[in-house]
Amino acid sequence: MPFTLPGSPAPLTADLIYTVKETGASHTVNGKSYNDVIHIKVDVTVLTINFGGGDFFYAKDVGMIESSISLNPPGLAPYQSTEQLVSSEIK
């Protein structure tokens, strides 16, 4: 999968390995506890070099409640991003 990392002089091709770490777990985001959560982990490698990865949490009947990515490519500035659900409404 080609992507451009901020600060990279050219697009890179990465291998993304997704692993289901937990199912049916509880996870708290912004003070709210969610049940029946699936935790997915991603590991990112470029040319066999580990660049880091991320974690994604999905709650049943809600969707993604949190994601975080941390990449540390050699020779480039580290990249980090975290997103958390602030509110949701089920109709």
PDB file of N, CA and C in Angstrom:
ATOM      1  N   MET A   1       0.845  -1.165   0.000  1.00  0.00           N
ATOM      2  CA  MET A   1       0.000   0.000   0.000  1.00  0.00           C
ATOM      3  C   MET A   1       0.899   1.238   0.000  1.00  0.00           C
ATOM      4  N   PRO A   2       0.889   2.040  -1.029  1.00  0.00           N
ATOM      5  CA  PRO A   2       1.712   3.255  -1.039  1.00  0.00           C
ATOM      6  C   PRO A   2       1.106   4.355  -0.165  1.00  0.00           C
ATOM      7  N   PHE A   3       1.962   5.075   0.519  1.00  0.00           N
ATOM      8  CA  PHE A   3       1.522   6.206   1.324  1.00  0.00           C
ATOM      9  C   PHE A   3       2.667   7.202   1.397  1.00  0.00           C
ATOM     10  N   THR A   4       2.356   8.439   1.732  1.00  0.00           N
ATOM     11  CA  THR A   4       3.385   9.465   1.899  1.00  0.00           C
ATOM     12  C   THR A   4       3.391   9.895   3.346  1.00  0.00           C
ATOM     13  N   LEU A   5       4.500   9.674   4.005  1.00  0.00           N
ATOM     14  CA  LEU A   5       4.677  10.066   5.389  1.00  0.00           C
ATOM     15  C   LEU A   5       5.125  11.516   5.425  1.00  0.00           C
ATOM     16  N   PRO A   6       4.543  12.338   6.297  1.00  0.00           N
ATOM     17  CA  PRO A   6       4.986  13.735   6.375  1.00  0.00           C
ATOM     18  C   PRO A   6       6.504  13.816   6.555  1.00  0.00           C
ATOM     19  N   GLY A   7       7.153  14.604   5.711  1.00  0.00           N
ATOM     20  CA  GLY A   7       8.609  14.750   5.766  1.00  0.00           C
ATOM     21  C   GLY A   7       9.355  13.808   4.841  1.00  0.00           C
ATOM     22  N   SER A   8       8.653  12.847   4.269  1.00  0.00           N
ATOM     23  CA  SER A   8       9.292  11.895   3.357  1.00  0.00           C
ATOM     24  C   SER A   8       9.419  12.522   1.973  1.00  0.00           C
ATOM     25  N   PRO A   9      10.586  12.362   1.329  1.00  0.00           N
ATOM     26  CA  PRO A   9      10.760  12.959   0.004  1.00  0.00           C
ATOM     27  C   PRO A   9       9.996  12.235  -1.108  1.00  0.00           C
ATOM     28  N   ALA A  10       9.543  11.012  -0.844  1.00  0.00           N
ATOM     29  CA  ALA A  10       8.839  10.245  -1.880  1.00  0.00           C
ATOM     30  C   ALA A  10       7.837   9.307  -1.218  1.00  0.00           C
ATOM     31  N   PRO A  11       6.819   8.879  -1.968  1.00  0.00           N
ATOM     32  CA  PRO A  11       5.878   7.893  -1.425  1.00  0.00           C
ATOM     33  C   PRO A  11       6.604   6.594  -1.077  1.00  0.00           C
ATOM     34  N   LEU A  12       6.135   5.919  -0.065  1.00  0.00           N
ATOM     35  CA  LEU A  12       6.696   4.651   0.379  1.00  0.00           C
ATOM     36  C   LEU A  12       5.653   3.559   0.198  1.00  0.00           C
ATOM     37  N   THR A  13       6.095   2.327   0.091  1.00  0.00           N
ATOM     38  CA  THR A  13       5.181   1.205   0.046  1.00  0.00           C
ATOM     39  C   THR A  13       5.330   0.434   1.342  1.00  0.00           C
ATOM     40  N   ALA A  14       4.239   0.260   2.050  1.00  0.00           N
ATOM     41  CA  ALA A  14       4.269  -0.376   3.364  1.00  0.00           C
ATOM     42  C   ALA A  14       3.486  -1.680   3.356  1.00  0.00           C
ATOM     43  N   ASP A  15       3.906  -2.577   4.226  1.00  0.00           N
ATOM     44  CA  ASP A  15       3.149  -3.783   4.523  1.00  0.00           C
ATOM     45  C   ASP A  15       2.438  -3.532   5.847  1.00  0.00           C
ATOM     46  N   LEU A  16       1.124  -3.716   5.846  1.00  0.00           N
ATOM     47  CA  LEU A  16       0.322  -3.517   7.051  1.00  0.00           C
ATOM     48  C   LEU A  16      -0.196  -4.868   7.511  1.00  0.00           C
ATOM     49  N   ILE A  17       0.152  -5.254   8.731  1.00  0.00           N
ATOM     50  CA  ILE A  17      -0.283  -6.526   9.288  1.00  0.00           C
ATOM     51  C   ILE A  17      -1.280  -6.223  10.406  1.00  0.00           C
ATOM     52  N   TYR A  18      -2.530  -6.616  10.204  1.00  0.00           N
ATOM     53  CA  TYR A  18      -3.588  -6.386  11.188  1.00  0.00           C
ATOM     54  C   TYR A  18      -3.801  -7.650  12.011  1.00  0.00           C
ATOM     55  N   THR A  19      -3.922  -7.476  13.342  1.00  0.00           N
ATOM     56  CA  THR A  19      -4.131  -8.596  14.242  1.00  0.00           C
ATOM     57  C   THR A  19      -5.271  -8.257  15.200  1.00  0.00           C
ATOM     58  N   VAL A  20      -6.203  -9.186  15.357  1.00  0.00           N
ATOM     59  CA  VAL A  20      -7.254  -9.019  16.358  1.00  0.00           C
ATOM     60  C   VAL A  20      -6.636  -9.370  17.706  1.00  0.00           C
ATOM     61  N   LYS A  21      -6.544  -8.388  18.596  1.00  0.00           N
ATOM     62  CA  LYS A  21      -5.923  -8.588  19.903  1.00  0.00           C
ATOM     63  C   LYS A  21      -6.940  -9.007  20.960  1.00  0.00           C
ATOM     64  N   GLU A  22      -8.157  -8.457  20.893  1.00  0.00           N
ATOM     65  CA  GLU A  22      -9.190  -8.771  21.875  1.00  0.00           C
ATOM     66  C   GLU A  22     -10.565  -8.669  21.235  1.00  0.00           C
ATOM     67  N   THR A  23     -11.484  -9.463  21.734  1.00  0.00           N
ATOM     68  CA  THR A  23     -12.898  -9.317  21.385  1.00  0.00           C
ATOM     69  C   THR A  23     -13.702  -9.401  22.670  1.00  0.00           C
ATOM     70  N   GLY A  24     -14.816  -8.706  22.707  1.00  0.00           N
ATOM     71  CA  GLY A  24     -15.674  -8.738  23.882  1.00  0.00           C
ATOM     72  C   GLY A  24     -15.113  -7.995  25.081  1.00  0.00           C
ATOM     73  N   ALA A  25     -14.149  -7.129  24.861  1.00  0.00           N
ATOM     74  CA  ALA A  25     -13.490  -6.400  25.949  1.00  0.00           C
ATOM     75  C   ALA A  25     -14.284  -5.155  26.326  1.00  0.00           C
ATOM     76  N   SER A  26     -13.880  -4.536  27.423  1.00  0.00           N
ATOM     77  CA  SER A  26     -14.397  -3.225  27.815  1.00  0.00           C
ATOM     78  C   SER A  26     -13.286  -2.213  27.580  1.00  0.00           C
ATOM     79  N   HIS A  27     -13.673  -1.000  27.173  1.00  0.00           N
ATOM     80  CA  HIS A  27     -12.678   0.050  26.908  1.00  0.00           C
ATOM     81  C   HIS A  27     -13.324   1.391  27.217  1.00  0.00           C
ATOM     82  N   THR A  28     -12.585   2.253  27.916  1.00  0.00           N
ATOM     83  CA  THR A  28     -13.114   3.561  28.307  1.00  0.00           C
ATOM     84  C   THR A  28     -12.485   4.653  27.456  1.00  0.00           C
ATOM     85  N   VAL A  29     -13.335   5.517  26.899  1.00  0.00           N
ATOM     86  CA  VAL A  29     -12.896   6.642  26.078  1.00  0.00           C
ATOM     87  C   VAL A  29     -13.614   7.886  26.574  1.00  0.00           C
ATOM     88  N   ASN A  30     -12.853   8.910  26.899  1.00  0.00           N
ATOM     89  CA  ASN A  30     -13.415  10.174  27.392  1.00  0.00           C
ATOM     90  C   ASN A  30     -14.398   9.976  28.541  1.00  0.00           C
ATOM     91  N   GLY A  31     -14.035   9.078  29.462  1.00  0.00           N
ATOM     92  CA  GLY A  31     -14.851   8.851  30.646  1.00  0.00           C
ATOM     93  C   GLY A  31     -16.046   7.935  30.454  1.00  0.00           C
ATOM     94  N   LYS A  32     -16.287   7.477  29.230  1.00  0.00           N
ATOM     95  CA  LYS A  32     -17.418   6.577  28.970  1.00  0.00           C
ATOM     96  C   LYS A  32     -16.892   5.177  28.707  1.00  0.00           C
ATOM     97  N   SER A  33     -17.482   4.207  29.393  1.00  0.00           N
ATOM     98  CA  SER A  33     -17.082   2.815  29.244  1.00  0.00           C
ATOM     99  C   SER A  33     -17.918   2.144  28.150  1.00  0.00           C
ATOM    100  N   TYR A  34     -17.260   1.439  27.265  1.00  0.00           N
ATOM    101  CA  TYR A  34     -17.925   0.700  26.188  1.00  0.00           C
ATOM    102  C   TYR A  34     -17.665  -0.787  26.402  1.00  0.00           C
ATOM    103  N   ASN A  35     -18.709  -1.601  26.184  1.00  0.00           N
ATOM    104  CA  ASN A  35     -18.591  -3.052  26.304  1.00  0.00           C
ATOM    105  C   ASN A  35     -18.624  -3.678  24.918  1.00  0.00           C
ATOM    106  N   ASP A  36     -18.242  -4.933  24.868  1.00  0.00           N
ATOM    107  CA  ASP A  36     -18.225  -5.694  23.613  1.00  0.00           C
ATOM    108  C   ASP A  36     -17.366  -4.990  22.562  1.00  0.00           C
ATOM    109  N   VAL A  37     -16.141  -4.649  22.954  1.00  0.00           N
ATOM    110  CA  VAL A  37     -15.200  -3.909  22.112  1.00  0.00           C
ATOM    111  C   VAL A  37     -14.224  -4.872  21.440  1.00  0.00           C
ATOM    112  N   ILE A  38     -13.923  -4.594  20.190  1.00  0.00           N
ATOM    113  CA  ILE A  38     -12.898  -5.328  19.441  1.00  0.00           C
ATOM    114  C   ILE A  38     -11.669  -4.430  19.338  1.00  0.00           C
ATOM    115  N   HIS A  39     -10.508  -4.984  19.691  1.00  0.00           N
ATOM    116  CA  HIS A  39      -9.231  -4.266  19.624  1.00  0.00           C
ATOM    117  C   HIS A  39      -8.415  -4.851  18.472  1.00  0.00           C
ATOM    118  N   ILE A  40      -8.096  -4.001  17.504  1.00  0.00           N
ATOM    119  CA  ILE A  40      -7.301  -4.385  16.340  1.00  0.00           C
ATOM    120  C   ILE A  40      -5.952  -3.671  16.422  1.00  0.00           C
ATOM    121  N   LYS A  41      -4.862  -4.396  16.219  1.00  0.00           N
ATOM    122  CA  LYS A  41      -3.525  -3.812  16.197  1.00  0.00           C
ATOM    123  C   LYS A  41      -2.988  -3.894  14.776  1.00  0.00           C
ATOM    124  N   VAL A  42      -2.285  -2.846  14.344  1.00  0.00           N
ATOM    125  CA  VAL A  42      -1.640  -2.858  13.036  1.00  0.00           C
ATOM    126  C   VAL A  42      -0.148  -2.624  13.232  1.00  0.00           C
ATOM    127  N   ASP A  43       0.661  -3.421  12.540  1.00  0.00           N
ATOM    128  CA  ASP A  43       2.105  -3.243  12.507  1.00  0.00           C
ATOM    129  C   ASP A  43       2.484  -2.810  11.101  1.00  0.00           C
ATOM    130  N   VAL A  44       3.333  -1.780  11.002  1.00  0.00           N
ATOM    131  CA  VAL A  44       3.717  -1.201   9.714  1.00  0.00           C
ATOM    132  C   VAL A  44       5.197  -1.475   9.463  1.00  0.00           C
ATOM    133  N   THR A  45       5.487  -2.113   8.324  1.00  0.00           N
ATOM    134  CA  THR A  45       6.877  -2.330   7.920  1.00  0.00           C
ATOM    135  C   THR A  45       7.081  -1.810   6.504  1.00  0.00           C
ATOM    136  N   VAL A  46       8.259  -1.257   6.276  1.00  0.00           N
ATOM    137  CA  VAL A  46       8.672  -0.791   4.952  1.00  0.00           C
ATOM    138  C   VAL A  46      10.032  -1.409   4.673  1.00  0.00           C
ATOM    139  N   LEU A  47      10.110  -2.196   3.601  1.00  0.00           N
ATOM    140  CA  LEU A  47      11.366  -2.877   3.257  1.00  0.00           C
ATOM    141  C   LEU A  47      11.936  -3.625   4.457  1.00  0.00           C
ATOM    142  N   THR A  48      11.107  -4.361   5.143  1.00  0.00           N
ATOM    143  CA  THR A  48      11.422  -5.169   6.328  1.00  0.00           C
ATOM    144  C   THR A  48      11.827  -4.351   7.556  1.00  0.00           C
ATOM    145  N   ILE A  49      11.716  -3.028   7.514  1.00  0.00           N
ATOM    146  CA  ILE A  49      12.025  -2.178   8.663  1.00  0.00           C
ATOM    147  C   ILE A  49      10.725  -1.847   9.383  1.00  0.00           C
ATOM    148  N   ASN A  50      10.688  -2.098  10.696  1.00  0.00           N
ATOM    149  CA  ASN A  50       9.498  -1.808  11.484  1.00  0.00           C
ATOM    150  C   ASN A  50       9.379  -0.307  11.676  1.00  0.00           C
ATOM    151  N   PHE A  51       8.290   0.264  11.194  1.00  0.00           N
ATOM    152  CA  PHE A  51       8.038   1.699  11.315  1.00  0.00           C
ATOM    153  C   PHE A  51       7.148   2.027  12.517  1.00  0.00           C
ATOM    154  N   GLY A  52       6.595   1.033  13.184  1.00  0.00           N
ATOM    155  CA  GLY A  52       5.676   1.267  14.301  1.00  0.00           C
ATOM    156  C   GLY A  52       4.337   0.646  14.011  1.00  0.00           C
ATOM    157  N   GLY A  53       3.277   1.292  14.484  1.00  0.00           N
ATOM    158  CA  GLY A  53       1.954   0.727  14.255  1.00  0.00           C
ATOM    159  C   GLY A  53       0.870   1.516  14.943  1.00  0.00           C
ATOM    160  N   GLY A  54      -0.225   0.831  15.192  1.00  0.00           N
ATOM    161  CA  GLY A  54      -1.354   1.510  15.796  1.00  0.00           C
ATOM    162  C   GLY A  54      -2.345   0.551  16.410  1.00  0.00           C
ATOM    163  N   ASP A  55      -3.310   1.128  17.095  1.00  0.00           N
ATOM    164  CA  ASP A  55      -4.371   0.368  17.743  1.00  0.00           C
ATOM    165  C   ASP A  55      -5.706   1.011  17.403  1.00  0.00           C
ATOM    166  N   PHE A  56      -6.701   0.173  17.135  1.00  0.00           N
ATOM    167  CA  PHE A  56      -8.047   0.625  16.792  1.00  0.00           C
ATOM    168  C   PHE A  56      -9.037  -0.121  17.673  1.00  0.00           C
ATOM    169  N   PHE A  57     -10.002   0.610  18.217  1.00  0.00           N
ATOM    170  CA  PHE A  57     -11.006   0.022  19.094  1.00  0.00           C
ATOM    171  C   PHE A  57     -12.391   0.298  18.514  1.00  0.00           C
ATOM    172  N   TYR A  58     -13.168  -0.771  18.346  1.00  0.00           N
ATOM    173  CA  TYR A  58     -14.510  -0.685  17.774  1.00  0.00           C
ATOM    174  C   TYR A  58     -15.518  -1.229  18.784  1.00  0.00           C
ATOM    175  N   ALA A  59     -16.544  -0.449  19.095  1.00  0.00           N
ATOM    176  CA  ALA A  59     -17.597  -0.883  20.012  1.00  0.00           C
ATOM    177  C   ALA A  59     -18.821  -1.324  19.210  1.00  0.00           C
ATOM    178  N   LYS A  60     -19.424  -2.410  19.660  1.00  0.00           N
ATOM    179  CA  LYS A  60     -20.627  -2.928  19.004  1.00  0.00           C
ATOM    180  C   LYS A  60     -21.715  -1.866  18.988  1.00  0.00           C
ATOM    181  N   ASP A  61     -22.364  -1.714  17.855  1.00  0.00           N
ATOM    182  CA  ASP A  61     -23.464  -0.772  17.628  1.00  0.00           C
ATOM    183  C   ASP A  61     -23.041   0.692  17.672  1.00  0.00           C
ATOM    184  N   VAL A  62     -21.735   0.962  17.761  1.00  0.00           N
ATOM    185  CA  VAL A  62     -21.243   2.345  17.788  1.00  0.00           C
ATOM    186  C   VAL A  62     -20.263   2.582  16.651  1.00  0.00           C
ATOM    187  N   GLY A  63     -19.288   1.700  16.485  1.00  0.00           N
ATOM    188  CA  GLY A  63     -18.231   1.870  15.486  1.00  0.00           C
ATOM    189  C   GLY A  63     -16.907   2.177  16.172  1.00  0.00           C
ATOM    190  N   MET A  64     -16.010   2.859  15.456  1.00  0.00           N
ATOM    191  CA  MET A  64     -14.705   3.156  16.018  1.00  0.00           C
ATOM    192  C   MET A  64     -14.837   4.167  17.155  1.00  0.00           C
ATOM    193  N   ILE A  65     -14.267   3.803  18.300  1.00  0.00           N
ATOM    194  CA  ILE A  65     -14.323   4.699  19.452  1.00  0.00           C
ATOM    195  C   ILE A  65     -12.958   5.313  19.751  1.00  0.00           C
ATOM    196  N   GLU A  66     -11.897   4.683  19.273  1.00  0.00           N
ATOM    197  CA  GLU A  66     -10.560   5.240  19.483  1.00  0.00           C
ATOM    198  C   GLU A  66      -9.590   4.644  18.471  1.00  0.00           C
ATOM    199  N   SER A  67      -8.648   5.480  18.034  1.00  0.00           N
ATOM    200  CA  SER A  67      -7.555   5.005  17.191  1.00  0.00           C
ATOM    201  C   SER A  67      -6.296   5.760  17.572  1.00  0.00           C
ATOM    202  N   SER A  68      -5.175   5.070  17.517  1.00  0.00           N
ATOM    203  CA  SER A  68      -3.898   5.731  17.750  1.00  0.00           C
ATOM    204  C   SER A  68      -2.860   5.108  16.826  1.00  0.00           C
ATOM    205  N   ILE A  69      -2.020   5.976  16.275  1.00  0.00           N
ATOM    206  CA  ILE A  69      -0.955   5.540  15.366  1.00  0.00           C
ATOM    207  C   ILE A  69       0.335   6.194  15.813  1.00  0.00           C
ATOM    208  N   SER A  70       1.404   5.413  15.839  1.00  0.00           N
ATOM    209  CA  SER A  70       2.721   5.918  16.188  1.00  0.00           C
ATOM    210  C   SER A  70       3.735   5.315  15.209  1.00  0.00           C
ATOM    211  N   LEU A  71       4.313   6.167  14.361  1.00  0.00           N
ATOM    212  CA  LEU A  71       5.298   5.726  13.376  1.00  0.00           C
ATOM    213  C   LEU A  71       6.643   6.389  13.675  1.00  0.00           C
ATOM    214  N   ASN A  72       7.696   5.604  13.613  1.00  0.00           N
ATOM    215  CA  ASN A  72       9.048   6.092  13.880  1.00  0.00           C
ATOM    216  C   ASN A  72       9.986   5.661  12.756  1.00  0.00           C
ATOM    217  N   PRO A  73       9.841   6.241  11.578  1.00  0.00           N
ATOM    218  CA  PRO A  73      10.687   5.839  10.448  1.00  0.00           C
ATOM    219  C   PRO A  73      12.120   6.348  10.626  1.00  0.00           C
ATOM    220  N   PRO A  74      13.100   5.519  10.308  1.00  0.00           N
ATOM    221  CA  PRO A  74      14.491   5.947  10.428  1.00  0.00           C
ATOM    222  C   PRO A  74      14.767   7.170   9.556  1.00  0.00           C
ATOM    223  N   GLY A  75      15.426   8.165  10.121  1.00  0.00           N
ATOM    224  CA  GLY A  75      15.813   9.349   9.362  1.00  0.00           C
ATOM    225  C   GLY A  75      14.730  10.388   9.173  1.00  0.00           C
ATOM    226  N   LEU A  76      13.521  10.115   9.651  1.00  0.00           N
ATOM    227  CA  LEU A  76      12.413  11.067   9.519  1.00  0.00           C
ATOM    228  C   LEU A  76      11.832  11.358  10.897  1.00  0.00           C
ATOM    229  N   ALA A  77      11.119  12.460  10.997  1.00  0.00           N
ATOM    230  CA  ALA A  77      10.481  12.818  12.263  1.00  0.00           C
ATOM    231  C   ALA A  77       9.404  11.793  12.615  1.00  0.00           C
ATOM    232  N   PRO A  78       9.274  11.452  13.886  1.00  0.00           N
ATOM    233  CA  PRO A  78       8.194  10.547  14.299  1.00  0.00           C
ATOM    234  C   PRO A  78       6.827  11.163  14.003  1.00  0.00           C
ATOM    235  N   TYR A  79       5.853  10.297  13.782  1.00  0.00           N
ATOM    236  CA  TYR A  79       4.482  10.738  13.513  1.00  0.00           C
ATOM    237  C   TYR A  79       3.571  10.052  14.520  1.00  0.00           C
ATOM    238  N   GLN A  80       2.732  10.832  15.199  1.00  0.00           N
ATOM    239  CA  GLN A  80       1.769  10.271  16.134  1.00  0.00           C
ATOM    240  C   GLN A  80       0.410  10.932  15.941  1.00  0.00           C
ATOM    241  N   SER A  81      -0.627  10.117  16.074  1.00  0.00           N
ATOM    242  CA  SER A  81      -1.986  10.633  15.950  1.00  0.00           C
ATOM    243  C   SER A  81      -2.908   9.793  16.822  1.00  0.00           C
ATOM    244  N   THR A  82      -3.786  10.471  17.554  1.00  0.00           N
ATOM    245  CA  THR A  82      -4.791   9.786  18.358  1.00  0.00           C
ATOM    246  C   THR A  82      -6.136  10.462  18.126  1.00  0.00           C
ATOM    247  N   GLU A  83      -7.141   9.654  17.907  1.00  0.00           N
ATOM    248  CA  GLU A  83      -8.510  10.133  17.733  1.00  0.00           C
ATOM    249  C   GLU A  83      -9.394   9.384  18.711  1.00  0.00           C
ATOM    250  N   GLN A  84     -10.280  10.129  19.392  1.00  0.00           N
ATOM    251  CA  GLN A  84     -11.210   9.510  20.328  1.00  0.00           C
ATOM    252  C   GLN A  84     -12.620  10.020  20.071  1.00  0.00           C
ATOM    253  N   LEU A  85     -13.579   9.107  20.183  1.00  0.00           N
ATOM    254  CA  LEU A  85     -14.978   9.480  20.031  1.00  0.00           C
ATOM    255  C   LEU A  85     -15.366  10.437  21.147  1.00  0.00           C
ATOM    256  N   VAL A  86     -15.999  11.536  20.782  1.00  0.00           N
ATOM    257  CA  VAL A  86     -16.444  12.519  21.766  1.00  0.00           C
ATOM    258  C   VAL A  86     -17.880  12.245  22.169  1.00  0.00           C
ATOM    259  N   SER A  87     -18.730  11.933  21.203  1.00  0.00           N
ATOM    260  CA  SER A  87     -20.123  11.615  21.517  1.00  0.00           C
ATOM    261  C   SER A  87     -20.712  10.794  20.388  1.00  0.00           C
ATOM    262  N   SER A  88     -21.809  10.137  20.690  1.00  0.00           N
ATOM    263  CA  SER A  88     -22.528   9.368  19.662  1.00  0.00           C
ATOM    264  C   SER A  88     -23.998   9.325  20.029  1.00  0.00           C
ATOM    265  N   GLU A  89     -24.815   9.099  19.021  1.00  0.00           N
ATOM    266  CA  GLU A  89     -26.254   8.996  19.232  1.00  0.00           C
ATOM    267  C   GLU A  89     -26.764   7.851  18.382  1.00  0.00           C
ATOM    268  N   ILE A  90     -27.419   6.911  19.013  1.00  0.00           N
ATOM    269  CA  ILE A  90     -27.987   5.772  18.304  1.00  0.00           C
ATOM    270  C   ILE A  90     -29.480   5.994  18.182  1.00  0.00           C
ATOM    271  N   LYS A  91     -29.969   5.960  16.953  1.00  0.00           N
ATOM    272  CA  LYS A  91     -31.397   6.183  16.719  1.00  0.00           C
ATOM    273  C   LYS A  91     -32.065   4.915  16.244  1.00  0.00           C
TER     274      LYS A  91
END
